Amino acid sequence: MGCCSGRCVLIFICCLQLVTALERQIFDFLGYQWAPIMMNFLQIIVVILGLFGAIQYRPRYVVLYLLWMLLWAAWNVFVGCLYLDLGALSKDSHILTLTLSAHRSWWKDNGPGCKSEGLPSAGWQNQDNPELTTVLSCWLEYQYIEVLHCIVQIVLSLLGFMYACCSAKTSSMSLEETFDYMGDYRPYKGSSLLF
């Protein structure tokens, strides 16, 4: 096995996906976005299974990972379209919070370069906090940060899908080579089978 084999690249992609999914999970928790929290949790579980399948030559886990990458890419396309207000989707809807809490991306107030000032509000009697915080300017609007997260996840999932296809094919072929048709299963030992 070479250092740049499809299996090694899949392991590297899985590690990148774990890091980016954990980062995204943290910021979705901070914004109380419950649908992305559940999807990120499933992503983390399936990526760990895919990583295990790639390391241990388990093609079933790699196939599960492969199928999940298609669903994960579709989810990220949906979320990206939601934040870009494409079609009937709106970033102001309560789809991502499952109507359980107020939807607010953490990046809306805490994005890179955002400067906020406290401005008194005329309607402060109706709110818990008499001072409203207004964001004056950001380097990058929050919806574009969320879309960039989606793009990174889509690219990683497509790369993971491609390398999972290669890894599932090679690991299933290596399992077929180790099977003795006389009814005995023997581990693969180099280039020849031991009888």
C-alpha atoms as a PDB file:
ATOM      1  CA  MET A   1       0.000   0.000   0.000  1.00  0.00           C
ATOM      2  CA  GLY A   2       1.405   3.345  -1.018  1.00  0.00           C
ATOM      3  CA  CYS A   3       1.391   6.455   1.096  1.00  0.00           C
ATOM      4  CA  CYS A   4      -1.008   8.223  -1.276  1.00  0.00           C
ATOM      5  CA  SER A   5      -3.414   5.343  -1.818  1.00  0.00           C
ATOM      6  CA  GLY A   6      -7.144   5.962  -1.998  1.00  0.00           C
ATOM      7  CA  ARG A   7      -7.542   4.474   1.463  1.00  0.00           C
ATOM      8  CA  CYS A   8      -5.029   6.889   3.013  1.00  0.00           C
ATOM      9  CA  VAL A   9      -6.665   9.843   1.271  1.00  0.00           C
ATOM     10  CA  LEU A  10     -10.076   8.677   2.542  1.00  0.00           C
ATOM     11  CA  ILE A  11      -8.707   8.535   6.090  1.00  0.00           C
ATOM     12  CA  PHE A  12      -7.347  12.073   5.697  1.00  0.00           C
ATOM     13  CA  ILE A  13     -10.678  13.325   4.293  1.00  0.00           C
ATOM     14  CA  CYS A  14     -12.560  11.681   7.167  1.00  0.00           C
ATOM     15  CA  CYS A  15     -10.298  13.444   9.669  1.00  0.00           C
ATOM     16  CA  LEU A  16     -10.927  16.781   7.930  1.00  0.00           C
ATOM     17  CA  GLN A  17     -14.659  16.101   7.967  1.00  0.00           C
ATOM     18  CA  LEU A  18     -14.562  15.359  11.689  1.00  0.00           C
ATOM     19  CA  VAL A  19     -12.793  18.630  12.437  1.00  0.00           C
ATOM     20  CA  THR A  20     -15.116  20.725  10.259  1.00  0.00           C
ATOM     21  CA  ALA A  21     -18.264  18.960  11.538  1.00  0.00           C
ATOM     22  CA  LEU A  22     -17.225  19.510  15.161  1.00  0.00           C
ATOM     23  CA  GLU A  23     -16.520  23.174  14.445  1.00  0.00           C
ATOM     24  CA  ARG A  24     -19.888  23.557  12.770  1.00  0.00           C
ATOM     25  CA  GLN A  25     -21.608  21.694  15.619  1.00  0.00           C
ATOM     26  CA  ILE A  26     -20.204  24.139  18.179  1.00  0.00           C
ATOM     27  CA  PHE A  27     -21.454  27.208  16.317  1.00  0.00           C
ATOM     28  CA  ASP A  28     -24.855  25.634  15.650  1.00  0.00           C
ATOM     29  CA  PHE A  29     -25.187  24.939  19.379  1.00  0.00           C
ATOM     30  CA  LEU A  30     -24.372  28.579  20.083  1.00  0.00           C
ATOM     31  CA  GLY A  31     -27.127  29.651  17.665  1.00  0.00           C
ATOM     32  CA  TYR A  32     -29.737  27.107  18.880  1.00  0.00           C
ATOM     33  CA  GLN A  33     -30.181  25.650  15.405  1.00  0.00           C
ATOM     34  CA  TRP A  34     -31.606  22.232  16.228  1.00  0.00           C
ATOM     35  CA  ALA A  35     -31.959  20.659  12.767  1.00  0.00           C
ATOM     36  CA  PRO A  36     -28.281  21.311  11.887  1.00  0.00           C
ATOM     37  CA  ILE A  37     -27.260  20.063  15.342  1.00  0.00           C
ATOM     38  CA  MET A  38     -28.954  16.709  14.690  1.00  0.00           C
ATOM     39  CA  MET A  39     -27.542  16.448  11.170  1.00  0.00           C
ATOM     40  CA  ASN A  40     -24.028  17.341  12.364  1.00  0.00           C
ATOM     41  CA  PHE A  41     -24.315  14.689  15.069  1.00  0.00           C
ATOM     42  CA  LEU A  42     -25.252  12.066  12.463  1.00  0.00           C
ATOM     43  CA  GLN A  43     -22.398  13.300  10.264  1.00  0.00           C
ATOM     44  CA  ILE A  44     -19.903  12.826  13.086  1.00  0.00           C
ATOM     45  CA  ILE A  45     -21.147   9.291  13.812  1.00  0.00           C
ATOM     46  CA  VAL A  46     -21.104   8.195  10.164  1.00  0.00           C
ATOM     47  CA  VAL A  47     -17.675   9.740   9.527  1.00  0.00           C
ATOM     48  CA  ILE A  48     -16.297   7.837  12.528  1.00  0.00           C
ATOM     49  CA  LEU A  49     -17.803   4.637  11.101  1.00  0.00           C
ATOM     50  CA  GLY A  50     -16.322   5.442   7.683  1.00  0.00           C
ATOM     51  CA  LEU A  51     -12.949   6.106   9.271  1.00  0.00           C
ATOM     52  CA  PHE A  52     -13.154   2.783  11.092  1.00  0.00           C
ATOM     53  CA  GLY A  53     -14.164   1.050   7.865  1.00  0.00           C
ATOM     54  CA  ALA A  54     -11.250   2.572   5.965  1.00  0.00           C
ATOM     55  CA  ILE A  55      -8.709   1.681   8.632  1.00  0.00           C
ATOM     56  CA  GLN A  56     -10.014  -1.851   9.275  1.00  0.00           C
ATOM     57  CA  TYR A  57     -10.879  -2.734   5.649  1.00  0.00           C
ATOM     58  CA  ARG A  58     -14.615  -2.987   6.385  1.00  0.00           C
ATOM     59  CA  PRO A  59     -16.387  -2.323   3.084  1.00  0.00           C
ATOM     60  CA  ARG A  60     -19.874  -2.233   4.641  1.00  0.00           C
ATOM     61  CA  TYR A  61     -18.945   0.722   6.824  1.00  0.00           C
ATOM     62  CA  VAL A  62     -17.339   2.437   3.862  1.00  0.00           C
ATOM     63  CA  VAL A  63     -20.509   1.889   1.799  1.00  0.00           C
ATOM     64  CA  LEU A  64     -22.604   3.340   4.640  1.00  0.00           C
ATOM     65  CA  TYR A  65     -20.269   6.344   4.678  1.00  0.00           C
ATOM     66  CA  LEU A  66     -20.517   6.567   0.892  1.00  0.00           C
ATOM     67  CA  LEU A  67     -24.333   6.682   0.930  1.00  0.00           C
ATOM     68  CA  TRP A  68     -24.385   9.177   3.788  1.00  0.00           C
ATOM     69  CA  MET A  69     -22.089  11.511   1.814  1.00  0.00           C
ATOM     70  CA  LEU A  70     -24.822  11.830  -0.824  1.00  0.00           C
ATOM     71  CA  LEU A  71     -27.398  12.764   1.824  1.00  0.00           C
ATOM     72  CA  TRP A  72     -24.939  15.094   3.544  1.00  0.00           C
ATOM     73  CA  ALA A  73     -24.203  16.922   0.293  1.00  0.00           C
ATOM     74  CA  ALA A  74     -27.952  17.286  -0.370  1.00  0.00           C
ATOM     75  CA  TRP A  75     -28.483  18.660   3.159  1.00  0.00           C
ATOM     76  CA  ASN A  76     -25.737  21.229   2.673  1.00  0.00           C
ATOM     77  CA  VAL A  77     -27.158  22.288  -0.688  1.00  0.00           C
ATOM     78  CA  PHE A  78     -30.520  22.808   1.049  1.00  0.00           C
ATOM     79  CA  VAL A  79     -28.985  24.850   3.883  1.00  0.00           C
ATOM     80  CA  GLY A  80     -26.964  26.927   1.404  1.00  0.00           C
ATOM     81  CA  CYS A  81     -30.092  27.658  -0.644  1.00  0.00           C
ATOM     82  CA  LEU A  82     -31.934  28.533   2.574  1.00  0.00           C
ATOM     83  CA  TYR A  83     -29.341  31.123   3.586  1.00  0.00           C
ATOM     84  CA  LEU A  84     -29.240  32.577   0.065  1.00  0.00           C
ATOM     85  CA  ASP A  85     -33.065  32.895   0.012  1.00  0.00           C
ATOM     86  CA  LEU A  86     -33.363  30.892  -3.197  1.00  0.00           C
ATOM     87  CA  GLY A  87     -36.845  29.987  -4.376  1.00  0.00           C
ATOM     88  CA  ALA A  88     -39.420  29.760  -1.607  1.00  0.00           C
ATOM     89  CA  LEU A  89     -36.734  29.321   1.062  1.00  0.00           C
ATOM     90  CA  SER A  90     -35.987  32.115   3.501  1.00  0.00           C
ATOM     91  CA  LYS A  91     -33.226  32.469   6.070  1.00  0.00           C
ATOM     92  CA  ASP A  92     -35.781  34.116   8.376  1.00  0.00           C
ATOM     93  CA  SER A  93     -37.936  30.963   8.542  1.00  0.00           C
ATOM     94  CA  HIS A  94     -37.854  28.625  11.527  1.00  0.00           C
ATOM     95  CA  ILE A  95     -36.885  25.524   9.551  1.00  0.00           C
ATOM     96  CA  LEU A  96     -33.450  25.177  11.134  1.00  0.00           C
ATOM     97  CA  THR A  97     -34.725  25.556  14.700  1.00  0.00           C
ATOM     98  CA  LEU A  98     -37.657  23.185  14.183  1.00  0.00           C
ATOM     99  CA  THR A  99     -39.793  26.055  15.592  1.00  0.00           C
ATOM    100  CA  LEU A 100     -38.455  25.278  19.082  1.00  0.00           C
ATOM    101  CA  SER A 101     -36.503  28.475  19.672  1.00  0.00           C
ATOM    102  CA  ALA A 102     -35.612  31.760  18.053  1.00  0.00           C
ATOM    103  CA  HIS A 103     -33.504  31.154  14.938  1.00  0.00           C
ATOM    104  CA  ARG A 104     -30.318  33.089  14.956  1.00  0.00           C
ATOM    105  CA  SER A 105     -27.030  32.168  13.394  1.00  0.00           C
ATOM    106  CA  TRP A 106     -24.195  32.759  15.821  1.00  0.00           C
ATOM    107  CA  TRP A 107     -22.304  34.414  12.998  1.00  0.00           C
ATOM    108  CA  LYS A 108     -24.989  37.121  12.705  1.00  0.00           C
ATOM    109  CA  ASP A 109     -23.629  39.001  15.723  1.00  0.00           C
ATOM    110  CA  ASN A 110     -20.153  37.514  16.056  1.00  0.00           C
ATOM    111  CA  GLY A 111     -18.845  37.319  12.516  1.00  0.00           C
ATOM    112  CA  PRO A 112     -15.339  38.368  11.546  1.00  0.00           C
ATOM    113  CA  GLY A 113     -14.951  42.104  11.822  1.00  0.00           C
ATOM    114  CA  CYS A 114     -18.435  42.716  13.257  1.00  0.00           C
ATOM    115  CA  LYS A 115     -18.622  45.803  15.393  1.00  0.00           C
ATOM    116  CA  SER A 116     -21.662  46.096  17.613  1.00  0.00           C
ATOM    117  CA  GLU A 117     -22.912  49.042  19.545  1.00  0.00           C
ATOM    118  CA  GLY A 118     -25.568  49.170  22.216  1.00  0.00           C
ATOM    119  CA  LEU A 119     -28.417  51.378  21.119  1.00  0.00           C
ATOM    120  CA  PRO A 120     -31.376  52.108  23.398  1.00  0.00           C
ATOM    121  CA  SER A 121     -34.727  51.004  22.060  1.00  0.00           C
ATOM    122  CA  ALA A 122     -38.073  52.736  22.397  1.00  0.00           C
ATOM    123  CA  GLY A 123     -39.800  49.385  22.940  1.00  0.00           C
ATOM    124  CA  TRP A 124     -37.512  48.170  25.736  1.00  0.00           C
ATOM    125  CA  GLN A 125     -40.407  47.614  28.139  1.00  0.00           C
ATOM    126  CA  ASN A 126     -41.490  44.534  26.174  1.00  0.00           C
ATOM    127  CA  GLN A 127     -38.086  42.874  26.338  1.00  0.00           C
ATOM    128  CA  ASP A 128     -35.999  41.263  29.042  1.00  0.00           C
ATOM    129  CA  ASN A 129     -32.979  43.403  28.234  1.00  0.00           C
ATOM    130  CA  PRO A 130     -33.674  47.151  27.919  1.00  0.00           C
ATOM    131  CA  GLU A 131     -30.713  47.571  25.598  1.00  0.00           C
ATOM    132  CA  LEU A 132     -30.701  46.169  22.083  1.00  0.00           C
ATOM    133  CA  THR A 133     -27.479  45.299  20.388  1.00  0.00           C
ATOM    134  CA  THR A 134     -27.228  46.355  16.787  1.00  0.00           C
ATOM    135  CA  VAL A 135     -24.522  45.091  14.470  1.00  0.00           C
ATOM    136  CA  LEU A 136     -23.193  47.978  12.414  1.00  0.00           C
ATOM    137  CA  SER A 137     -20.810  46.354   9.951  1.00  0.00           C
ATOM    138  CA  CYS A 138     -19.081  43.057   9.223  1.00  0.00           C
ATOM    139  CA  TRP A 139     -16.382  42.027   6.789  1.00  0.00           C
ATOM    140  CA  LEU A 140     -18.590  39.212   5.589  1.00  0.00           C
ATOM    141  CA  GLU A 141     -22.331  38.867   6.135  1.00  0.00           C
ATOM    142  CA  TYR A 142     -23.407  35.910   8.262  1.00  0.00           C
ATOM    143  CA  GLN A 143     -25.368  34.174   5.496  1.00  0.00           C
ATOM    144  CA  TYR A 144     -22.244  34.042   3.331  1.00  0.00           C
ATOM    145  CA  ILE A 145     -20.248  32.519   6.204  1.00  0.00           C
ATOM    146  CA  GLU A 146     -22.923  29.832   6.550  1.00  0.00           C
ATOM    147  CA  VAL A 147     -22.867  29.255   2.777  1.00  0.00           C
ATOM    148  CA  LEU A 148     -19.058  28.929   2.891  1.00  0.00           C
ATOM    149  CA  HIS A 149     -19.465  26.268   5.599  1.00  0.00           C
ATOM    150  CA  CYS A 150     -21.882  24.449   3.297  1.00  0.00           C
ATOM    151  CA  ILE A 151     -19.500  24.684   0.334  1.00  0.00           C
ATOM    152  CA  VAL A 152     -16.628  23.250   2.379  1.00  0.00           C
ATOM    153  CA  GLN A 153     -18.863  20.367   3.500  1.00  0.00           C
ATOM    154  CA  ILE A 154     -20.062  19.710  -0.059  1.00  0.00           C
ATOM    155  CA  VAL A 155     -16.507  19.634  -1.444  1.00  0.00           C
ATOM    156  CA  LEU A 156     -15.328  17.309   1.347  1.00  0.00           C
ATOM    157  CA  SER A 157     -18.341  15.035   0.912  1.00  0.00           C
ATOM    158  CA  LEU A 158     -17.805  14.763  -2.858  1.00  0.00           C
ATOM    159  CA  LEU A 159     -14.123  13.970  -2.348  1.00  0.00           C
ATOM    160  CA  GLY A 160     -15.052  11.494   0.376  1.00  0.00           C
ATOM    161  CA  PHE A 161     -17.609   9.902  -1.943  1.00  0.00           C
ATOM    162  CA  MET A 162     -15.041   9.433  -4.714  1.00  0.00           C
ATOM    163  CA  TYR A 163     -12.380   7.955  -2.448  1.00  0.00           C
ATOM    164  CA  ALA A 164     -14.936   5.830  -0.592  1.00  0.00           C
ATOM    165  CA  CYS A 165     -15.932   4.283  -3.932  1.00  0.00           C
ATOM    166  CA  CYS A 166     -12.291   3.385  -4.600  1.00  0.00           C
ATOM    167  CA  SER A 167     -11.713   2.174  -1.050  1.00  0.00           C
ATOM    168  CA  ALA A 168     -14.874   0.043  -0.961  1.00  0.00           C
ATOM    169  CA  LYS A 169     -13.922  -1.560  -4.260  1.00  0.00           C
ATOM    170  CA  THR A 170     -10.330  -2.350  -3.246  1.00  0.00           C
ATOM    171  CA  SER A 171     -11.215  -3.534   0.263  1.00  0.00           C
ATOM    172  CA  SER A 172     -13.931  -5.859  -1.039  1.00  0.00           C
ATOM    173  CA  MET A 173     -11.482  -7.211  -3.657  1.00  0.00           C
ATOM    174  CA  SER A 174      -8.848  -7.853  -0.996  1.00  0.00           C
ATOM    175  CA  LEU A 175     -11.447  -9.682   1.122  1.00  0.00           C
ATOM    176  CA  GLU A 176     -12.325 -11.885  -1.856  1.00  0.00           C
ATOM    177  CA  GLU A 177      -8.647 -12.740  -2.334  1.00  0.00           C
ATOM    178  CA  THR A 178      -8.321 -13.931   1.262  1.00  0.00           C
ATOM    179  CA  PHE A 179     -11.264 -16.300   1.069  1.00  0.00           C
ATOM    180  CA  ASP A 180     -10.336 -19.952   0.593  1.00  0.00           C
ATOM    181  CA  TYR A 181     -13.063 -21.675  -1.390  1.00  0.00           C
ATOM    182  CA  MET A 182     -12.537 -24.868   0.603  1.00  0.00           C
ATOM    183  CA  GLY A 183     -14.457 -23.238   3.457  1.00  0.00           C
ATOM    184  CA  ASP A 184     -11.590 -21.705   5.397  1.00  0.00           C
ATOM    185  CA  TYR A 185     -11.121 -17.986   5.908  1.00  0.00           C
ATOM    186  CA  ARG A 186      -7.456 -17.054   6.152  1.00  0.00           C
ATOM    187  CA  PRO A 187      -6.003 -13.599   6.584  1.00  0.00           C
ATOM    188  CA  TYR A 188      -4.256 -11.999   3.665  1.00  0.00           C
ATOM    189  CA  LYS A 189      -0.449 -12.419   3.976  1.00  0.00           C
ATOM    190  CA  GLY A 190       1.372 -10.382   1.376  1.00  0.00           C
ATOM    191  CA  SER A 191       1.200 -11.289  -2.287  1.00  0.00           C
ATOM    192  CA  SER A 192       0.412 -15.005  -1.971  1.00  0.00           C
ATOM    193  CA  LEU A 193      -2.083 -17.053  -0.004  1.00  0.00           C
ATOM    194  CA  LEU A 194      -0.802 -19.517   2.559  1.00  0.00           C
ATOM    195  CA  PHE A 195      -2.326 -22.982   2.351  1.00  0.00           C
END
